[in-house]
Structure formats: C-alpha cells, structure tokens
Amino acid sequence: MSMTVLLLILLLSVVTLLVGISVLALLLYRPTWCAPVAGALGAMTFLATVVGLLVAVTRS
C-alpha cells in the first residue's frame, strides 16, 4: 500500500473517533438531541463509506 492510502485511512479513523467521542459527550449532555445527532452521524458514516469505496476502486 502506498503512503497516501495509509494516511487517508489514518485520517478517516481519527476523524471518525473524534466525531464519535463528540457525539457521545453531546448525547450525555443533551439527551433531547438524539434524533438530529443520529441523522448527522449516519450521514457522516455514509460519506466516509463512499470515500473509502472511491479510494479502493481508484487504487485497484
């Protein structure tokens, strides 16, 4: 694997972990925001999946 792919994987992992920790903290602080935050988290997960698939397809 090239260094660019490894850096992209690392970046996606770090961003996903940071967003996950932020969402957990937000939901513990404001439980009434569950629905909007769940939608935003789902959208972020979908976009990360699409980017990962695009990278995998273009690199092969």
N, C-alpha and C. Protein backbone atom coordinates (compact mmCIF):
# COMPACT_ATOMS: atom_id res chain seq x y z
N MET A 1 0.84 -1.18 0.00
CA MET A 1 0.00 0.00 0.00
C MET A 1 0.89 1.24 0.00
N SER A 2 0.40 2.22 -0.68
CA SER A 2 1.19 3.45 -0.74
C SER A 2 0.95 4.29 0.52
N MET A 3 1.84 5.22 0.70
CA MET A 3 1.77 6.08 1.88
C MET A 3 0.51 6.94 1.88
N THR A 4 0.04 7.36 0.70
CA THR A 4 -1.16 8.20 0.61
C THR A 4 -2.38 7.45 1.12
N VAL A 5 -2.51 6.19 0.75
CA VAL A 5 -3.66 5.39 1.19
C VAL A 5 -3.60 5.20 2.71
N LEU A 6 -2.43 4.92 3.23
CA LEU A 6 -2.29 4.74 4.68
C LEU A 6 -2.63 6.03 5.43
N LEU A 7 -2.19 7.16 4.90
CA LEU A 7 -2.52 8.44 5.55
C LEU A 7 -4.02 8.73 5.49
N LEU A 8 -4.66 8.40 4.37
CA LEU A 8 -6.10 8.60 4.26
C LEU A 8 -6.85 7.71 5.24
N ILE A 9 -6.43 6.47 5.39
CA ILE A 9 -7.06 5.57 6.35
C ILE A 9 -6.87 6.10 7.77
N LEU A 10 -5.68 6.56 8.09
CA LEU A 10 -5.43 7.13 9.41
C LEU A 10 -6.29 8.36 9.66
N LEU A 11 -6.38 9.23 8.67
CA LEU A 11 -7.19 10.44 8.81
C LEU A 11 -8.66 10.10 9.02
N LEU A 12 -9.19 9.17 8.22
CA LEU A 12 -10.59 8.77 8.40
C LEU A 12 -10.82 8.14 9.77
N SER A 13 -9.87 7.35 10.25
CA SER A 13 -10.02 6.72 11.57
C SER A 13 -10.03 7.77 12.67
N VAL A 14 -9.11 8.72 12.60
CA VAL A 14 -9.02 9.75 13.64
C VAL A 14 -10.27 10.63 13.63
N VAL A 15 -10.71 11.03 12.44
CA VAL A 15 -11.91 11.87 12.36
C VAL A 15 -13.13 11.12 12.88
N THR A 16 -13.26 9.84 12.52
CA THR A 16 -14.40 9.05 12.99
C THR A 16 -14.38 8.91 14.51
N LEU A 17 -13.20 8.65 15.09
CA LEU A 17 -13.11 8.55 16.55
C LEU A 17 -13.44 9.87 17.23
N LEU A 18 -12.94 10.97 16.69
CA LEU A 18 -13.23 12.28 17.29
C LEU A 18 -14.71 12.61 17.22
N VAL A 19 -15.33 12.33 16.08
CA VAL A 19 -16.76 12.60 15.94
C VAL A 19 -17.56 11.70 16.88
N GLY A 20 -17.16 10.44 16.98
CA GLY A 20 -17.85 9.52 17.89
C GLY A 20 -17.77 9.96 19.34
N ILE A 21 -16.61 10.40 19.77
CA ILE A 21 -16.44 10.88 21.15
C ILE A 21 -17.25 12.15 21.36
N SER A 22 -17.25 13.04 20.37
CA SER A 22 -18.03 14.28 20.49
C SER A 22 -19.52 13.99 20.57
N VAL A 23 -19.98 13.05 19.75
CA VAL A 23 -21.40 12.69 19.77
C VAL A 23 -21.78 12.09 21.12
N LEU A 24 -20.94 11.22 21.66
CA LEU A 24 -21.22 10.62 22.96
C LEU A 24 -21.30 11.70 24.04
N ALA A 25 -20.36 12.62 24.03
CA ALA A 25 -20.38 13.69 25.02
C ALA A 25 -21.61 14.56 24.86
N LEU A 26 -21.98 14.86 23.62
CA LEU A 26 -23.15 15.69 23.37
C LEU A 26 -24.43 15.00 23.83
N LEU A 27 -24.53 13.71 23.55
CA LEU A 27 -25.74 12.98 23.95
C LEU A 27 -25.83 12.82 25.47
N LEU A 28 -24.70 12.74 26.14
CA LEU A 28 -24.74 12.69 27.59
C LEU A 28 -25.12 14.06 28.17
N TYR A 29 -24.72 15.12 27.48
CA TYR A 29 -25.02 16.48 27.95
C TYR A 29 -26.44 16.90 27.60
N ARG A 30 -26.90 16.57 26.39
CA ARG A 30 -28.24 16.93 25.93
C ARG A 30 -28.92 15.73 25.29
N PRO A 31 -29.59 14.90 26.07
CA PRO A 31 -30.23 13.69 25.52
C PRO A 31 -31.36 13.98 24.54
N THR A 32 -31.91 15.19 24.55
CA THR A 32 -33.02 15.50 23.64
C THR A 32 -32.56 15.66 22.20
N TRP A 33 -31.27 15.74 21.96
CA TRP A 33 -30.75 15.91 20.61
C TRP A 33 -30.46 14.59 19.91
N CYS A 34 -30.98 13.50 20.43
CA CYS A 34 -30.67 12.17 19.88
C CYS A 34 -31.00 12.04 18.40
N ALA A 35 -32.18 12.46 17.99
CA ALA A 35 -32.60 12.26 16.60
C ALA A 35 -31.74 13.06 15.62
N PRO A 36 -31.53 14.37 15.81
CA PRO A 36 -30.70 15.09 14.85
C PRO A 36 -29.25 14.60 14.82
N VAL A 37 -28.72 14.28 15.99
CA VAL A 37 -27.33 13.82 16.05
C VAL A 37 -27.20 12.45 15.39
N ALA A 38 -28.18 11.59 15.58
CA ALA A 38 -28.14 10.27 14.94
C ALA A 38 -28.19 10.42 13.41
N GLY A 39 -28.99 11.35 12.92
CA GLY A 39 -29.03 11.60 11.48
C GLY A 39 -27.71 12.14 10.95
N ALA A 40 -27.11 13.05 11.67
CA ALA A 40 -25.81 13.60 11.25
C ALA A 40 -24.73 12.53 11.28
N LEU A 41 -24.76 11.69 12.30
CA LEU A 41 -23.77 10.61 12.40
C LEU A 41 -23.96 9.60 11.27
N GLY A 42 -25.21 9.31 10.93
CA GLY A 42 -25.48 8.41 9.81
C GLY A 42 -24.98 8.99 8.50
N ALA A 43 -25.17 10.29 8.29
CA ALA A 43 -24.69 10.94 7.07
C ALA A 43 -23.17 10.92 7.00
N MET A 44 -22.51 11.16 8.15
CA MET A 44 -21.05 11.12 8.17
C MET A 44 -20.53 9.72 7.87
N THR A 45 -21.18 8.72 8.42
CA THR A 45 -20.77 7.34 8.17
C THR A 45 -20.95 6.98 6.70
N PHE A 46 -22.06 7.43 6.12
CA PHE A 46 -22.30 7.18 4.70
C PHE A 46 -21.23 7.84 3.83
N LEU A 47 -20.89 9.09 4.13
CA LEU A 47 -19.86 9.79 3.36
C LEU A 47 -18.48 9.14 3.52
N ALA A 48 -18.16 8.69 4.72
CA ALA A 48 -16.88 8.00 4.92
C ALA A 48 -16.84 6.70 4.14
N THR A 49 -17.96 6.00 4.07
CA THR A 49 -18.03 4.76 3.30
C THR A 49 -17.86 5.03 1.81
N VAL A 50 -18.51 6.07 1.32
CA VAL A 50 -18.39 6.41 -0.10
C VAL A 50 -16.96 6.79 -0.45
N VAL A 51 -16.32 7.59 0.40
CA VAL A 51 -14.93 7.99 0.15
C VAL A 51 -14.03 6.76 0.18
N GLY A 52 -14.23 5.87 1.13
CA GLY A 52 -13.43 4.65 1.20
C GLY A 52 -13.61 3.78 -0.04
N LEU A 53 -14.84 3.65 -0.51
CA LEU A 53 -15.08 2.87 -1.72
C LEU A 53 -14.44 3.52 -2.94
N LEU A 54 -14.54 4.84 -3.04
CA LEU A 54 -13.91 5.53 -4.18
C LEU A 54 -12.39 5.35 -4.17
N VAL A 55 -11.80 5.43 -3.00
CA VAL A 55 -10.34 5.23 -2.90
C VAL A 55 -9.98 3.80 -3.27
N ALA A 56 -10.77 2.84 -2.79
CA ALA A 56 -10.48 1.44 -3.09
C ALA A 56 -10.62 1.15 -4.58
N VAL A 57 -11.62 1.72 -5.22
CA VAL A 57 -11.85 1.47 -6.64
C VAL A 57 -10.79 2.14 -7.49
N THR A 58 -10.41 3.37 -7.14
CA THR A 58 -9.43 4.08 -7.96
C THR A 58 -8.02 3.55 -7.77
N ARG A 59 -7.73 2.91 -6.65
CA ARG A 59 -6.38 2.39 -6.38
C ARG A 59 -6.17 1.00 -6.95
N SER A 60 -7.25 0.29 -7.31
CA SER A 60 -7.07 -1.08 -7.79
C SER A 60 -6.94 -1.14 -9.30
